[in-house]
Amino acid sequence: LEVVAYREPRGHEIRGPRFRAQFRGKTAAD
């Protein structure tokens, strides 16, 4: 999962690898 563009003044932390790594391995059934 990659954040391509972020426009808000707050909340940039979602770009961090720890947050994005939580989605790795997930499927539509999860």
Full PDB file with SEQRES, HELIX, SHEET, SSBOND, CRYST1, ORIGX, SCALE, CONECT and MASTER records, all heavy atoms in Angstrom:
SEQRES   1 A   30  LEU GLU VAL VAL ALA TYR ARG GLU PRO ARG GLY HIS GLU          
SEQRES   2 A   30  ILE ARG GLY PRO ARG PHE ARG ALA GLN PHE ARG GLY LYS          
SEQRES   3 A   30  THR ALA ALA ASP                                              
HELIX    1 AA1 HIS A   12  ARG A   15  5                                   4    
HELIX    2 AA2 PRO A   17  ALA A   21  1                                   5    
CRYST1    1.000    1.000    1.000  90.00  90.00  90.00 P 1           1          
ORIGX1      1.000000  0.000000  0.000000        0.00000                         
ORIGX2      0.000000  1.000000  0.000000        0.00000                         
ORIGX3      0.000000  0.000000  1.000000        0.00000                         
SCALE1      1.000000  0.000000  0.000000        0.00000                         
SCALE2      0.000000  1.000000  0.000000        0.00000                         
SCALE3      0.000000  0.000000  1.000000        0.00000                         
ATOM      1  N   LEU A   1       0.865  -1.169   0.000  1.00  0.00           N  
ATOM      2  CA  LEU A   1       0.000   0.000   0.000  1.00  0.00           C  
ATOM      3  C   LEU A   1       0.903   1.220   0.000  1.00  0.00           C  
ATOM      4  O   LEU A   1       1.831   1.301   0.812  1.00  0.00           O  
ATOM      5  CB  LEU A   1      -0.901   0.009   1.243  1.00  0.00           C  
ATOM      6  CG  LEU A   1      -1.628   1.327   1.547  1.00  0.00           C  
ATOM      7  CD1 LEU A   1      -2.637   1.668   0.465  1.00  0.00           C  
ATOM      8  CD2 LEU A   1      -2.299   1.261   2.923  1.00  0.00           C  
ATOM      9  N   GLU A   2       0.659   2.140  -0.907  1.00  0.00           N  
ATOM     10  CA  GLU A   2       1.442   3.369  -0.962  1.00  0.00           C  
ATOM     11  C   GLU A   2       0.503   4.575  -0.982  1.00  0.00           C  
ATOM     12  O   GLU A   2      -0.529   4.554  -1.670  1.00  0.00           O  
ATOM     13  CB  GLU A   2       2.337   3.405  -2.201  1.00  0.00           C  
ATOM     14  CG  GLU A   2       3.433   2.351  -2.229  1.00  0.00           C  
ATOM     15  CD  GLU A   2       4.537   2.607  -1.206  1.00  0.00           C  
ATOM     16  OE1 GLU A   2       4.603   3.731  -0.658  1.00  0.00           O  
ATOM     17  OE2 GLU A   2       5.327   1.670  -0.962  1.00  0.00           O  
ATOM     18  N   VAL A   3       0.856   5.601  -0.233  1.00  0.00           N  
ATOM     19  CA  VAL A   3       0.145   6.880  -0.291  1.00  0.00           C  
ATOM     20  C   VAL A   3       0.802   7.704  -1.394  1.00  0.00           C  
ATOM     21  O   VAL A   3       1.990   8.017  -1.319  1.00  0.00           O  
ATOM     22  CB  VAL A   3       0.193   7.615   1.055  1.00  0.00           C  
ATOM     23  CG1 VAL A   3      -0.483   8.981   0.937  1.00  0.00           C  
ATOM     24  CG2 VAL A   3      -0.482   6.782   2.146  1.00  0.00           C  
ATOM     25  N   VAL A   4       0.035   8.031  -2.411  1.00  0.00           N  
ATOM     26  CA  VAL A   4       0.570   8.746  -3.571  1.00  0.00           C  
ATOM     27  C   VAL A   4       0.573  10.252  -3.334  1.00  0.00           C  
ATOM     28  O   VAL A   4       1.546  10.941  -3.636  1.00  0.00           O  
ATOM     29  CB  VAL A   4      -0.252   8.402  -4.825  1.00  0.00           C  
ATOM     30  CG1 VAL A   4       0.209   9.212  -6.025  1.00  0.00           C  
ATOM     31  CG2 VAL A   4      -0.155   6.908  -5.125  1.00  0.00           C  
ATOM     32  N   ALA A   5      -0.515  10.774  -2.791  1.00  0.00           N  
ATOM     33  CA  ALA A   5      -0.623  12.211  -2.510  1.00  0.00           C  
ATOM     34  C   ALA A   5      -1.463  12.410  -1.262  1.00  0.00           C  
ATOM     35  O   ALA A   5      -2.519  11.788  -1.109  1.00  0.00           O  
ATOM     36  CB  ALA A   5      -1.232  12.947  -3.695  1.00  0.00           C  
ATOM     37  N   TYR A   6      -0.983  13.284  -0.378  1.00  0.00           N  
ATOM     38  CA  TYR A   6      -1.702  13.568   0.864  1.00  0.00           C  
ATOM     39  C   TYR A   6      -1.856  15.078   0.982  1.00  0.00           C  
ATOM     40  O   TYR A   6      -0.869  15.813   0.936  1.00  0.00           O  
ATOM     41  CB  TYR A   6      -0.946  13.004   2.069  1.00  0.00           C  
ATOM     42  CG  TYR A   6      -1.779  13.011   3.326  1.00  0.00           C  
ATOM     43  CD1 TYR A   6      -2.660  11.975   3.592  1.00  0.00           C  
ATOM     44  CD2 TYR A   6      -1.717  14.083   4.219  1.00  0.00           C  
ATOM     45  CE1 TYR A   6      -3.459  11.988   4.717  1.00  0.00           C  
ATOM     46  CE2 TYR A   6      -2.509  14.103   5.343  1.00  0.00           C  
ATOM     47  CZ  TYR A   6      -3.384  13.058   5.596  1.00  0.00           C  
ATOM     48  OH  TYR A   6      -4.181  13.091   6.711  1.00  0.00           O  
ATOM     49  N   ARG A   7      -3.087  15.550   1.185  1.00  0.00           N  
ATOM     50  CA  ARG A   7      -3.388  16.968   1.081  1.00  0.00           C  
ATOM     51  C   ARG A   7      -3.810  17.619   2.405  1.00  0.00           C  
ATOM     52  O   ARG A   7      -4.057  18.814   2.431  1.00  0.00           O  
ATOM     53  CB  ARG A   7      -4.486  17.171   0.031  1.00  0.00           C  
ATOM     54  CG  ARG A   7      -4.127  16.577  -1.329  1.00  0.00           C  
ATOM     55  CD  ARG A   7      -5.331  16.490  -2.245  1.00  0.00           C  
ATOM     56  NE  ARG A   7      -5.002  15.959  -3.574  1.00  0.00           N  
ATOM     57  CZ  ARG A   7      -4.938  14.688  -3.889  1.00  0.00           C  
ATOM     58  NH1 ARG A   7      -5.190  13.770  -2.955  1.00  0.00           N  
ATOM     59  NH2 ARG A   7      -4.632  14.303  -5.095  1.00  0.00           N  
ATOM     60  N   GLU A   8      -3.967  16.829   3.456  1.00  0.00           N  
ATOM     61  CA  GLU A   8      -4.413  17.358   4.743  1.00  0.00           C  
ATOM     62  C   GLU A   8      -3.226  17.896   5.547  1.00  0.00           C  
ATOM     63  O   GLU A   8      -2.093  17.416   5.386  1.00  0.00           O  
ATOM     64  CB  GLU A   8      -5.102  16.253   5.556  1.00  0.00           C  
ATOM     65  CG  GLU A   8      -6.267  15.570   4.852  1.00  0.00           C  
ATOM     66  CD  GLU A   8      -7.555  16.346   4.943  1.00  0.00           C  
ATOM     67  OE1 GLU A   8      -7.537  17.496   5.444  1.00  0.00           O  
ATOM     68  OE2 GLU A   8      -8.590  15.815   4.510  1.00  0.00           O  
ATOM     69  N   PRO A   9      -3.457  18.855   6.436  1.00  0.00           N  
ATOM     70  CA  PRO A   9      -2.362  19.361   7.270  1.00  0.00           C  
ATOM     71  C   PRO A   9      -1.930  18.384   8.358  1.00  0.00           C  
ATOM     72  O   PRO A   9      -0.824  18.470   8.883  1.00  0.00           O  
ATOM     73  CB  PRO A   9      -2.930  20.644   7.882  1.00  0.00           C  
ATOM     74  CG  PRO A   9      -4.419  20.445   7.854  1.00  0.00           C  
ATOM     75  CD  PRO A   9      -4.700  19.645   6.625  1.00  0.00           C  
ATOM     76  N   ARG A  10      -2.801  17.441   8.715  1.00  0.00           N  
ATOM     77  CA  ARG A  10      -2.484  16.440   9.739  1.00  0.00           C  
ATOM     78  C   ARG A  10      -2.824  15.041   9.220  1.00  0.00           C  
ATOM     79  O   ARG A  10      -3.615  14.889   8.307  1.00  0.00           O  
ATOM     80  CB  ARG A  10      -3.271  16.706  11.020  1.00  0.00           C  
ATOM     81  CG  ARG A  10      -2.950  18.033  11.671  1.00  0.00           C  
ATOM     82  CD  ARG A  10      -3.742  18.219  12.963  1.00  0.00           C  
ATOM     83  NE  ARG A  10      -3.439  19.477  13.615  1.00  0.00           N  
ATOM     84  CZ  ARG A  10      -4.003  20.646  13.315  1.00  0.00           C  
ATOM     85  NH1 ARG A  10      -4.941  20.690  12.367  1.00  0.00           N  
ATOM     86  NH2 ARG A  10      -3.662  21.750  13.948  1.00  0.00           N  
ATOM     87  N   GLY A  11      -2.216  14.057   9.860  1.00  0.00           N  
ATOM     88  CA  GLY A  11      -2.533  12.677   9.510  1.00  0.00           C  
ATOM     89  C   GLY A  11      -1.533  12.011   8.591  1.00  0.00           C  
ATOM     90  O   GLY A  11      -1.756  10.891   8.129  1.00  0.00           O  
ATOM     91  N   HIS A  12      -0.397  12.658   8.355  1.00  0.00           N  
ATOM     92  CA  HIS A  12       0.622  12.097   7.462  1.00  0.00           C  
ATOM     93  C   HIS A  12       1.181  10.760   7.968  1.00  0.00           C  
ATOM     94  O   HIS A  12       1.842  10.054   7.202  1.00  0.00           O  
ATOM     95  CB  HIS A  12       1.783  13.087   7.298  1.00  0.00           C  
ATOM     96  CG  HIS A  12       1.407  14.318   6.535  1.00  0.00           C  
ATOM     97  ND1 HIS A  12       1.598  14.442   5.181  1.00  0.00           N  
ATOM     98  CD2 HIS A  12       0.818  15.474   6.936  1.00  0.00           C  
ATOM     99  CE1 HIS A  12       1.177  15.626   4.781  1.00  0.00           C  
ATOM    100  NE2 HIS A  12       0.691  16.269   5.816  1.00  0.00           N  
ATOM    101  N   GLU A  13       0.919  10.445   9.208  1.00  0.00           N  
ATOM    102  CA  GLU A  13       1.472   9.209   9.775  1.00  0.00           C  
ATOM    103  C   GLU A  13       1.035   7.951   9.025  1.00  0.00           C  
ATOM    104  O   GLU A  13       1.685   6.907   9.127  1.00  0.00           O  
ATOM    105  CB  GLU A  13       1.074   9.081  11.254  1.00  0.00           C  
ATOM    106  CG  GLU A  13       1.692  10.137  12.159  1.00  0.00           C  
ATOM    107  CD  GLU A  13       0.886  11.429  12.220  1.00  0.00           C  
ATOM    108  OE1 GLU A  13      -0.077  11.571  11.418  1.00  0.00           O  
ATOM    109  OE2 GLU A  13       1.211  12.297  13.049  1.00  0.00           O  
ATOM    110  N   ILE A  14      -0.045   8.030   8.269  1.00  0.00           N  
ATOM    111  CA  ILE A  14      -0.479   6.847   7.520  1.00  0.00           C  
ATOM    112  C   ILE A  14       0.538   6.462   6.450  1.00  0.00           C  
ATOM    113  O   ILE A  14       0.487   5.350   5.922  1.00  0.00           O  
ATOM    114  CB  ILE A  14      -1.859   7.046   6.871  1.00  0.00           C  
ATOM    115  CG1 ILE A  14      -1.827   8.179   5.837  1.00  0.00           C  
ATOM    116  CG2 ILE A  14      -2.925   7.270   7.921  1.00  0.00           C  
ATOM    117  CD1 ILE A  14      -3.074   8.256   4.980  1.00  0.00           C  
ATOM    118  N   ARG A  15       1.466   7.351   6.145  1.00  0.00           N  
ATOM    119  CA  ARG A  15       2.509   7.024   5.172  1.00  0.00           C  
ATOM    120  C   ARG A  15       3.582   6.128   5.782  1.00  0.00           C  
ATOM    121  O   ARG A  15       4.399   5.559   5.048  1.00  0.00           O  
ATOM    122  CB  ARG A  15       3.171   8.295   4.650  1.00  0.00           C  
ATOM    123  CG  ARG A  15       2.255   9.179   3.819  1.00  0.00           C  
ATOM    124  CD  ARG A  15       3.030  10.366   3.263  1.00  0.00           C  
ATOM    125  NE  ARG A  15       4.174   9.892   2.486  1.00  0.00           N  
ATOM    126  CZ  ARG A  15       5.429  10.362   2.657  1.00  0.00           C  
ATOM    127  NH1 ARG A  15       5.704  11.256   3.588  1.00  0.00           N  
ATOM    128  NH2 ARG A  15       6.403   9.888   1.896  1.00  0.00           N  
ATOM    129  N   GLY A  16       3.595   6.011   7.086  1.00  0.00           N  
ATOM    130  CA  GLY A  16       4.639   5.253   7.749  1.00  0.00           C  
ATOM    131  C   GLY A  16       4.582   3.775   7.419  1.00  0.00           C  
ATOM    132  O   GLY A  16       3.504   3.198   7.246  1.00  0.00           O  
ATOM    133  N   PRO A  17       5.745   3.120   7.363  1.00  0.00           N  
ATOM    134  CA  PRO A  17       5.771   1.690   7.002  1.00  0.00           C  
ATOM    135  C   PRO A  17       5.055   0.805   8.006  1.00  0.00           C  
ATOM    136  O   PRO A  17       4.488  -0.224   7.622  1.00  0.00           O  
ATOM    137  CB  PRO A  17       7.276   1.379   6.940  1.00  0.00           C  
ATOM    138  CG  PRO A  17       7.942   2.467   7.719  1.00  0.00           C  
ATOM    139  CD  PRO A  17       7.101   3.677   7.541  1.00  0.00           C  
ATOM    140  N   ARG A  18       5.052   1.168   9.281  1.00  0.00           N  
ATOM    141  CA  ARG A  18       4.389   0.327  10.280  1.00  0.00           C  
ATOM    142  C   ARG A  18       2.889   0.259  10.033  1.00  0.00           C  
ATOM    143  O   ARG A  18       2.291  -0.815  10.114  1.00  0.00           O  
ATOM    144  CB  ARG A  18       4.667   0.854  11.686  1.00  0.00           C  
ATOM    145  CG  ARG A  18       4.013   0.029  12.780  1.00  0.00           C  
ATOM    146  CD  ARG A  18       4.381   0.512  14.162  1.00  0.00           C  
ATOM    147  NE  ARG A  18       5.810   0.397  14.435  1.00  0.00           N  
ATOM    148  CZ  ARG A  18       6.379   0.740  15.579  1.00  0.00           C  
ATOM    149  NH1 ARG A  18       5.634   1.217  16.571  1.00  0.00           N  
ATOM    150  NH2 ARG A  18       7.672   0.605  15.742  1.00  0.00           N  
ATOM    151  N   PHE A  19       2.282   1.399   9.715  1.00  0.00           N  
ATOM    152  CA  PHE A  19       0.851   1.396   9.436  1.00  0.00           C  
ATOM    153  C   PHE A  19       0.555   0.640   8.149  1.00  0.00           C  
ATOM    154  O   PHE A  19      -0.325  -0.231   8.099  1.00  0.00           O  
ATOM    155  CB  PHE A  19       0.318   2.826   9.322  1.00  0.00           C  
ATOM    156  CG  PHE A  19      -1.130   2.899   8.911  1.00  0.00           C  
ATOM    157  CD1 PHE A  19      -2.135   2.581   9.811  1.00  0.00           C  
ATOM    158  CD2 PHE A  19      -1.482   3.244   7.614  1.00  0.00           C  
ATOM    159  CE1 PHE A  19      -3.478   2.616   9.423  1.00  0.00           C  
ATOM    160  CE2 PHE A  19      -2.813   3.285   7.219  1.00  0.00           C  
ATOM    161  CZ  PHE A  19      -3.808   2.975   8.132  1.00  0.00           C  
ATOM    162  N   ARG A  20       1.286   0.920   7.089  1.00  0.00           N  
ATOM    163  CA  ARG A  20       1.006   0.299   5.787  1.00  0.00           C  
ATOM    164  C   ARG A  20       1.250  -1.206   5.802  1.00  0.00           C  
ATOM    165  O   ARG A  20       0.568  -1.958   5.100  1.00  0.00           O  
ATOM    166  CB  ARG A  20       1.854   0.984   4.708  1.00  0.00           C  
ATOM    167  CG  ARG A  20       1.447   2.428   4.454  1.00  0.00           C  
ATOM    168  CD  ARG A  20       2.231   3.062   3.308  1.00  0.00           C  
ATOM    169  NE  ARG A  20       3.642   3.245   3.638  1.00  0.00           N  
ATOM    170  CZ  ARG A  20       4.643   2.546   3.118  1.00  0.00           C  
ATOM    171  NH1 ARG A  20       4.385   1.592   2.221  1.00  0.00           N  
ATOM    172  NH2 ARG A  20       5.886   2.794   3.458  1.00  0.00           N  
ATOM    173  N   ALA A  21       2.210  -1.635   6.608  1.00  0.00           N  
ATOM    174  CA  ALA A  21       2.535  -3.068   6.659  1.00  0.00           C  
ATOM    175  C   ALA A  21       1.388  -3.902   7.216  1.00  0.00           C  
ATOM    176  O   ALA A  21       1.323  -5.112   6.969  1.00  0.00           O  
ATOM    177  CB  ALA A  21       3.786  -3.293   7.494  1.00  0.00           C  
ATOM    178  N   GLN A  22       0.469  -3.280   7.942  1.00  0.00           N  
ATOM    179  CA  GLN A  22      -0.655  -4.030   8.510  1.00  0.00           C  
ATOM    180  C   GLN A  22      -1.571  -4.614   7.433  1.00  0.00           C  
ATOM    181  O   GLN A  22      -2.287  -5.582   7.679  1.00  0.00           O  
ATOM    182  CB  GLN A  22      -1.492  -3.121   9.419  1.00  0.00           C  
ATOM    183  CG  GLN A  22      -0.759  -2.605  10.636  1.00  0.00           C  
ATOM    184  CD  GLN A  22      -1.670  -1.722  11.473  1.00  0.00           C  
ATOM    185  OE1 GLN A  22      -2.347  -2.204  12.381  1.00  0.00           O  
ATOM    186  NE2 GLN A  22      -1.699  -0.443  11.159  1.00  0.00           N  
ATOM    187  N   PHE A  23      -1.532  -4.028   6.246  1.00  0.00           N  
ATOM    188  CA  PHE A  23      -2.406  -4.494   5.165  1.00  0.00           C  
ATOM    189  C   PHE A  23      -1.792  -5.651   4.387  1.00  0.00           C  
ATOM    190  O   PHE A  23      -2.492  -6.323   3.629  1.00  0.00           O  
ATOM    191  CB  PHE A  23      -2.708  -3.336   4.210  1.00  0.00           C  
ATOM    192  CG  PHE A  23      -3.520  -2.237   4.825  1.00  0.00           C  
ATOM    193  CD1 PHE A  23      -2.898  -1.170   5.455  1.00  0.00           C  
ATOM    194  CD2 PHE A  23      -4.897  -2.268   4.787  1.00  0.00           C  
ATOM    195  CE1 PHE A  23      -3.639  -0.147   6.026  1.00  0.00           C  
ATOM    196  CE2 PHE A  23      -5.658  -1.258   5.358  1.00  0.00           C  
ATOM    197  CZ  PHE A  23      -5.024  -0.188   5.981  1.00  0.00           C  
ATOM    198  N   ARG A  24      -0.499  -5.875   4.564  1.00  0.00           N  
ATOM    199  CA  ARG A  24       0.186  -6.903   3.788  1.00  0.00           C  
ATOM    200  C   ARG A  24      -0.418  -8.281   4.084  1.00  0.00           C  
ATOM    201  O   ARG A  24      -0.615  -8.662   5.230  1.00  0.00           O  
ATOM    202  CB  ARG A  24       1.674  -6.896   4.103  1.00  0.00           C  
ATOM    203  CG  ARG A  24       2.508  -7.740   3.133  1.00  0.00           C  
ATOM    204  CD  ARG A  24       3.991  -7.602   3.441  1.00  0.00           C  
ATOM    205  NE  ARG A  24       4.419  -6.208   3.336  1.00  0.00           N  
ATOM    206  CZ  ARG A  24       5.104  -5.567   4.270  1.00  0.00           C  
ATOM    207  NH1 ARG A  24       5.429  -6.176   5.398  1.00  0.00           N  
ATOM    208  NH2 ARG A  24       5.459  -4.310   4.078  1.00  0.00           N  
ATOM    209  N   GLY A  25      -0.721  -9.014   3.039  1.00  0.00           N  
ATOM    210  CA  GLY A  25      -1.282 -10.357   3.187  1.00  0.00           C  
ATOM    211  C   GLY A  25      -2.795 -10.396   3.317  1.00  0.00           C  
ATOM    212  O   GLY A  25      -3.385 -11.476   3.290  1.00  0.00           O  
ATOM    213  N   LYS A  26      -3.432  -9.240   3.446  1.00  0.00           N  
ATOM    214  CA  LYS A  26      -4.894  -9.217   3.569  1.00  0.00           C  
ATOM    215  C   LYS A  26      -5.543  -9.523   2.217  1.00  0.00           C  
ATOM    216  O   LYS A  26      -5.006  -9.208   1.156  1.00  0.00           O  
ATOM    217  CB  LYS A  26      -5.370  -7.849   4.068  1.00  0.00           C  
ATOM    218  CG  LYS A  26      -4.827  -7.447   5.439  1.00  0.00           C  
ATOM    219  CD  LYS A  26      -5.283  -8.387   6.528  1.00  0.00           C  
ATOM    220  CE  LYS A  26      -4.839  -7.892   7.902  1.00  0.00           C  
ATOM    221  NZ  LYS A  26      -5.167  -8.861   8.974  1.00  0.00           N  
ATOM    222  N   THR A  27      -6.717 -10.133   2.273  1.00  0.00           N  
ATOM    223  CA  THR A  27      -7.472 -10.453   1.067  1.00  0.00           C  
ATOM    224  C   THR A  27      -8.886  -9.898   1.192  1.00  0.00           C  
ATOM    225  O   THR A  27      -9.286  -9.387   2.248  1.00  0.00           O  
ATOM    226  CB  THR A  27      -7.554 -11.969   0.850  1.00  0.00           C  
ATOM    227  OG1 THR A  27      -8.439 -12.539   1.826  1.00  0.00           O  
ATOM    228  CG2 THR A  27      -6.180 -12.621   0.961  1.00  0.00           C  
ATOM    229  N   ALA A  28      -9.650 -10.043   0.122  1.00  0.00           N  
ATOM    230  CA  ALA A  28     -11.040  -9.572   0.140  1.00  0.00           C  
ATOM    231  C   ALA A  28     -11.880 -10.340   1.147  1.00  0.00           C  
ATOM    232  O   ALA A  28     -12.925  -9.860   1.593  1.00  0.00           O  
ATOM    233  CB  ALA A  28     -11.645  -9.699  -1.262  1.00  0.00           C  
ATOM    234  N   ALA A  29     -11.439 -11.533   1.530  1.00  0.00           N  
ATOM    235  CA  ALA A  29     -12.186 -12.341   2.495  1.00  0.00           C  
ATOM    236  C   ALA A  29     -11.931 -11.908   3.937  1.00  0.00           C  
ATOM    237  O   ALA A  29     -12.678 -12.300   4.842  1.00  0.00           O  
ATOM    238  CB  ALA A  29     -11.825 -13.812   2.330  1.00  0.00           C  
ATOM    239  N   ASP A  30     -10.884 -11.135   4.163  1.00  0.00           N  
ATOM    240  CA  ASP A  30     -10.541 -10.708   5.521  1.00  0.00           C  
ATOM    241  C   ASP A  30     -11.370  -9.518   5.955  1.00  0.00           C  
ATOM    242  O   ASP A  30     -11.704  -8.643   5.141  1.00  0.00           O  
ATOM    243  CB  ASP A  30      -9.056 -10.320   5.599  1.00  0.00           C  
ATOM    244  CG  ASP A  30      -8.141 -11.512   5.436  1.00  0.00           C  
ATOM    245  OD1 ASP A  30      -8.441 -12.569   6.018  1.00  0.00           O  
ATOM    246  OD2 ASP A  30      -7.130 -11.382   4.727  1.00  0.00           O  
TER     247      ASP A  30                                                      
MASTER        0    0    0    2    0    0    0    6  246    1    0    3          
END                                                                             
